[in-house]
Amino acid sequence: MDNHHPKGPHIHIDDDERDYEYRNDEKLIDDFNKLVLLHLGVKI
């Protein structure tokens, strides 16, 4: 997950890049943890 000009908030998963709607830090961390579990099978 990153946020740089000019792209704005987005997510990198393997070779795929997807837009991400940033709401707040708590939601960002929760979404990150879910993506790690979903794509890597690791709970953090």
C-alpha atoms as a PDB file:
ATOM      1  CA  MET A   1       0.000   0.000   0.000  1.00  0.00           C
ATOM      2  CA  ASP A   2       1.304   3.437  -0.794  1.00  0.00           C
ATOM      3  CA  ASN A   3       0.288   6.971  -1.591  1.00  0.00           C
ATOM      4  CA  HIS A   4       2.420   9.016  -3.914  1.00  0.00           C
ATOM      5  CA  HIS A   5       1.804  11.744  -6.419  1.00  0.00           C
ATOM      6  CA  PRO A   6       0.246  11.532  -8.945  1.00  0.00           C
ATOM      7  CA  LYS A   7      -1.340   8.111  -8.258  1.00  0.00           C
ATOM      8  CA  GLY A   8      -2.753   8.700  -4.793  1.00  0.00           C
ATOM      9  CA  PRO A   9      -3.651   5.806  -2.464  1.00  0.00           C
ATOM     10  CA  HIS A  10      -3.206   2.395  -4.067  1.00  0.00           C
ATOM     11  CA  ILE A  11      -2.275  -1.219  -3.334  1.00  0.00           C
ATOM     12  CA  HIS A  12       0.320  -3.448  -4.991  1.00  0.00           C
ATOM     13  CA  ILE A  13      -0.487  -7.167  -5.037  1.00  0.00           C
ATOM     14  CA  ASP A  14       1.998  -9.178  -7.070  1.00  0.00           C
ATOM     15  CA  ASP A  15       2.032  -7.453 -10.485  1.00  0.00           C
ATOM     16  CA  ASP A  16      -1.395  -5.914  -9.956  1.00  0.00           C
ATOM     17  CA  GLU A  17      -1.978  -2.338  -8.818  1.00  0.00           C
ATOM     18  CA  ARG A  18      -5.386  -1.365  -7.409  1.00  0.00           C
ATOM     19  CA  ASP A  19      -6.867   1.911  -6.227  1.00  0.00           C
ATOM     20  CA  TYR A  20      -7.395   2.190  -2.481  1.00  0.00           C
ATOM     21  CA  GLU A  21      -9.898   4.460  -0.746  1.00  0.00           C
ATOM     22  CA  TYR A  22      -8.083   5.806   2.305  1.00  0.00           C
ATOM     23  CA  ARG A  23     -10.429   6.642   5.201  1.00  0.00           C
ATOM     24  CA  ASN A  24      -8.244   6.682   8.300  1.00  0.00           C
ATOM     25  CA  ASP A  25      -5.165   5.027   9.810  1.00  0.00           C
ATOM     26  CA  GLU A  26      -7.152   2.421  11.741  1.00  0.00           C
ATOM     27  CA  LYS A  27      -8.959   1.218   8.591  1.00  0.00           C
ATOM     28  CA  LEU A  28      -5.684   1.216   6.643  1.00  0.00           C
ATOM     29  CA  ILE A  29      -4.007  -1.048   9.221  1.00  0.00           C
ATOM     30  CA  ASP A  30      -7.031  -3.358   9.346  1.00  0.00           C
ATOM     31  CA  ASP A  31      -7.147  -3.604   5.542  1.00  0.00           C
ATOM     32  CA  PHE A  32      -3.388  -4.259   5.406  1.00  0.00           C
ATOM     33  CA  ASN A  33      -3.668  -7.077   7.958  1.00  0.00           C
ATOM     34  CA  LYS A  34      -6.528  -8.652   5.995  1.00  0.00           C
ATOM     35  CA  LEU A  35      -4.588  -8.479   2.733  1.00  0.00           C
ATOM     36  CA  VAL A  36      -1.523 -10.089   4.310  1.00  0.00           C
ATOM     37  CA  LEU A  37      -3.641 -12.947   5.647  1.00  0.00           C
ATOM     38  CA  LEU A  38      -5.521 -13.368   2.356  1.00  0.00           C
ATOM     39  CA  HIS A  39      -2.496 -13.272   0.038  1.00  0.00           C
ATOM     40  CA  LEU A  40       0.298 -14.640   2.234  1.00  0.00           C
ATOM     41  CA  GLY A  41      -1.614 -16.813   4.665  1.00  0.00           C
ATOM     42  CA  VAL A  42       0.026 -15.088   7.620  1.00  0.00           C
ATOM     43  CA  LYS A  43      -1.855 -13.445  10.468  1.00  0.00           C
ATOM     44  CA  ILE A  44      -0.126 -10.386  11.938  1.00  0.00           C
END
